[in-house]
Amino acid sequence: MTGNKALSLVGLATKAGKVSSGEFCTERDVKSGKAALVIVAEDASENTRKKFRNMCDYYHVPVFFYGDKDTLGHAMGKQFRASLAVLDEGFAKGIMKHLER
C-alpha cells in the first residue's frame, strides 16, 4: 500500500511538471543540482543502477531502487522508465516518507 502512495505522488509531481525521466534527463538534473530525489527501477541493468548509485552519492542526492520499469512508467503516464528525478523538495520528501517504510 505504501508503494502505491509513493507512485501516486510521482504521478502528481509529473502532472505538476516536477519530474524528469529517462537516463539522460535524470543524469543532467542530478549533475546540475536540480534533482531532490532519484528513483531507479529495480529491474534496470546493473550498470545503470551502479551509475546512479555512485552519481547520487557524489552529488548528495537520495536514491531509491523501487518497482520495475513498467510500474515507474505507468505512474508517470508514460512507457517504460528506468529512472526518474523528482525536482521539487516537497514532493521528494513525501515520496521518500512512503518509500522508507
C-alpha atoms as a PDB file:
ATOM      1  CA  MET A   1       0.000   0.000   0.000  1.00  0.00           C
ATOM      2  CA  THR A   2       2.746   2.488   0.875  1.00  0.00           C
ATOM      3  CA  GLY A   3       4.351   1.933  -2.523  1.00  0.00           C
ATOM      4  CA  ASN A   4       1.096   2.834  -4.229  1.00  0.00           C
ATOM      5  CA  LYS A   5       1.029   6.099  -2.279  1.00  0.00           C
ATOM      6  CA  ALA A   6       4.591   6.881  -3.408  1.00  0.00           C
ATOM      7  CA  LEU A   7       3.646   6.142  -7.020  1.00  0.00           C
ATOM      8  CA  SER A   8       0.568   8.362  -6.701  1.00  0.00           C
ATOM      9  CA  LEU A   9       2.814  11.200  -5.549  1.00  0.00           C
ATOM     10  CA  VAL A  10       5.123  10.553  -8.519  1.00  0.00           C
ATOM     11  CA  GLY A  11       2.065  10.916 -10.768  1.00  0.00           C
ATOM     12  CA  LEU A  12       1.064  14.187  -9.094  1.00  0.00           C
ATOM     13  CA  ALA A  13       4.608  15.532  -9.350  1.00  0.00           C
ATOM     14  CA  THR A  14       4.652  14.588 -13.049  1.00  0.00           C
ATOM     15  CA  LYS A  15       1.416  16.493 -13.685  1.00  0.00           C
ATOM     16  CA  ALA A  16       2.910  19.469 -11.851  1.00  0.00           C
ATOM     17  CA  GLY A  17       5.950  19.345 -14.152  1.00  0.00           C
ATOM     18  CA  LYS A  18       8.331  18.496 -11.307  1.00  0.00           C
ATOM     19  CA  VAL A  19       9.670  15.176 -12.642  1.00  0.00           C
ATOM     20  CA  SER A  20      12.192  14.400 -15.359  1.00  0.00           C
ATOM     21  CA  SER A  21      12.628  10.867 -16.605  1.00  0.00           C
ATOM     22  CA  GLY A  22      14.935   8.840 -18.738  1.00  0.00           C
ATOM     23  CA  GLU A  23      18.600   8.232 -18.153  1.00  0.00           C
ATOM     24  CA  PHE A  24      19.912  11.370 -19.898  1.00  0.00           C
ATOM     25  CA  CYS A  25      17.480  13.838 -18.274  1.00  0.00           C
ATOM     26  CA  THR A  26      17.838  12.284 -14.830  1.00  0.00           C
ATOM     27  CA  GLU A  27      21.630  12.438 -15.058  1.00  0.00           C
ATOM     28  CA  ARG A  28      21.527  16.067 -16.248  1.00  0.00           C
ATOM     29  CA  ASP A  29      19.284  17.126 -13.354  1.00  0.00           C
ATOM     30  CA  VAL A  30      21.401  15.353 -10.734  1.00  0.00           C
ATOM     31  CA  LYS A  31      24.598  16.954 -12.023  1.00  0.00           C
ATOM     32  CA  SER A  32      23.021  20.420 -12.286  1.00  0.00           C
ATOM     33  CA  GLY A  33      21.709  20.222  -8.708  1.00  0.00           C
ATOM     34  CA  LYS A  34      18.019  20.315  -9.653  1.00  0.00           C
ATOM     35  CA  ALA A  35      17.174  16.774  -8.523  1.00  0.00           C
ATOM     36  CA  ALA A  36      15.833  16.351  -4.980  1.00  0.00           C
ATOM     37  CA  LEU A  37      15.287  12.596  -5.317  1.00  0.00           C
ATOM     38  CA  VAL A  38      16.137   9.863  -7.837  1.00  0.00           C
ATOM     39  CA  ILE A  39      14.159   6.650  -8.264  1.00  0.00           C
ATOM     40  CA  VAL A  40      15.652   3.825 -10.328  1.00  0.00           C
ATOM     41  CA  ALA A  41      13.730   0.705 -11.328  1.00  0.00           C
ATOM     42  CA  GLU A  42      14.912  -2.466  -9.614  1.00  0.00           C
ATOM     43  CA  ASP A  43      14.933  -4.266 -12.973  1.00  0.00           C
ATOM     44  CA  ALA A  44      17.218  -1.661 -14.573  1.00  0.00           C
ATOM     45  CA  SER A  45      20.577  -3.012 -15.698  1.00  0.00           C
ATOM     46  CA  GLU A  46      23.273  -3.458 -13.079  1.00  0.00           C
ATOM     47  CA  ASN A  47      25.339  -0.833 -14.918  1.00  0.00           C
ATOM     48  CA  THR A  48      22.506   1.722 -14.713  1.00  0.00           C
ATOM     49  CA  ARG A  49      21.878   1.055 -11.015  1.00  0.00           C
ATOM     50  CA  LYS A  50      25.594   1.351 -10.205  1.00  0.00           C
ATOM     51  CA  LYS A  51      25.912   4.549 -12.252  1.00  0.00           C
ATOM     52  CA  PHE A  52      23.047   6.282 -10.431  1.00  0.00           C
ATOM     53  CA  ARG A  53      24.101   4.950  -7.002  1.00  0.00           C
ATOM     54  CA  ASN A  54      27.603   6.400  -7.460  1.00  0.00           C
ATOM     55  CA  MET A  55      26.405   9.660  -9.027  1.00  0.00           C
ATOM     56  CA  CYS A  56      23.812  10.289  -6.315  1.00  0.00           C
ATOM     57  CA  ASP A  57      26.348   9.531  -3.574  1.00  0.00           C
ATOM     58  CA  TYR A  58      28.767  12.024  -5.118  1.00  0.00           C
ATOM     59  CA  TYR A  59      26.152  14.768  -5.573  1.00  0.00           C
ATOM     60  CA  HIS A  60      24.383  14.012  -2.232  1.00  0.00           C
ATOM     61  CA  VAL A  61      21.016  13.204  -3.793  1.00  0.00           C
ATOM     62  CA  PRO A  62      18.886  10.489  -2.169  1.00  0.00           C
ATOM     63  CA  VAL A  63      18.369   7.481  -4.461  1.00  0.00           C
ATOM     64  CA  PHE A  64      15.827   4.680  -4.128  1.00  0.00           C
ATOM     65  CA  PHE A  65      15.551   1.458  -6.094  1.00  0.00           C
ATOM     66  CA  TYR A  66      11.856   0.727  -6.395  1.00  0.00           C
ATOM     67  CA  GLY A  67       9.432  -1.134  -8.617  1.00  0.00           C
ATOM     68  CA  ASP A  68      10.102  -2.087 -12.198  1.00  0.00           C
ATOM     69  CA  LYS A  69      10.371  -0.088 -15.413  1.00  0.00           C
ATOM     70  CA  ASP A  70       6.737  -0.687 -16.316  1.00  0.00           C
ATOM     71  CA  THR A  71       5.481   0.425 -12.880  1.00  0.00           C
ATOM     72  CA  LEU A  72       7.540   3.638 -12.885  1.00  0.00           C
ATOM     73  CA  GLY A  73       6.460   4.469 -16.423  1.00  0.00           C
ATOM     74  CA  HIS A  74       2.804   3.766 -15.627  1.00  0.00           C
ATOM     75  CA  ALA A  75       2.954   6.038 -12.551  1.00  0.00           C
ATOM     76  CA  MET A  76       4.110   8.852 -14.855  1.00  0.00           C
ATOM     77  CA  GLY A  77       1.565   8.047 -17.559  1.00  0.00           C
ATOM     78  CA  LYS A  78       4.305   7.062 -19.999  1.00  0.00           C
ATOM     79  CA  GLN A  79       6.031   3.980 -21.395  1.00  0.00           C
ATOM     80  CA  PHE A  80       8.832   2.159 -19.590  1.00  0.00           C
ATOM     81  CA  ARG A  81      11.066   4.348 -17.424  1.00  0.00           C
ATOM     82  CA  ALA A  82      14.236   3.007 -15.789  1.00  0.00           C
ATOM     83  CA  SER A  83      14.975   6.216 -13.879  1.00  0.00           C
ATOM     84  CA  LEU A  84      13.325   9.459 -12.861  1.00  0.00           C
ATOM     85  CA  ALA A  85      14.304  12.546 -10.908  1.00  0.00           C
ATOM     86  CA  VAL A  86      11.902  14.467  -8.678  1.00  0.00           C
ATOM     87  CA  LEU A  87      12.755  18.160  -8.913  1.00  0.00           C
ATOM     88  CA  ASP A  88      10.618  19.507  -6.059  1.00  0.00           C
ATOM     89  CA  GLU A  89      11.722  19.203  -2.407  1.00  0.00           C
ATOM     90  CA  GLY A  90       8.166  18.869  -1.083  1.00  0.00           C
ATOM     91  CA  PHE A  91       7.236  16.052  -3.439  1.00  0.00           C
ATOM     92  CA  ALA A  92      10.597  14.388  -2.799  1.00  0.00           C
ATOM     93  CA  LYS A  93      10.069  14.398   0.987  1.00  0.00           C
ATOM     94  CA  GLY A  94       6.558  12.984   0.635  1.00  0.00           C
ATOM     95  CA  ILE A  95       7.692  10.216  -1.710  1.00  0.00           C
ATOM     96  CA  MET A  96      10.702   9.329   0.481  1.00  0.00           C
ATOM     97  CA  LYS A  97       8.444   9.089   3.530  1.00  0.00           C
ATOM     98  CA  HIS A  98       6.474   6.324   1.802  1.00  0.00           C
ATOM     99  CA  LEU A  99       9.453   4.550   0.257  1.00  0.00           C
ATOM    100  CA  GLU A 100      11.409   4.339   3.523  1.00  0.00           C
ATOM    101  CA  ARG A 101       8.735   2.255   5.265  1.00  0.00           C
END
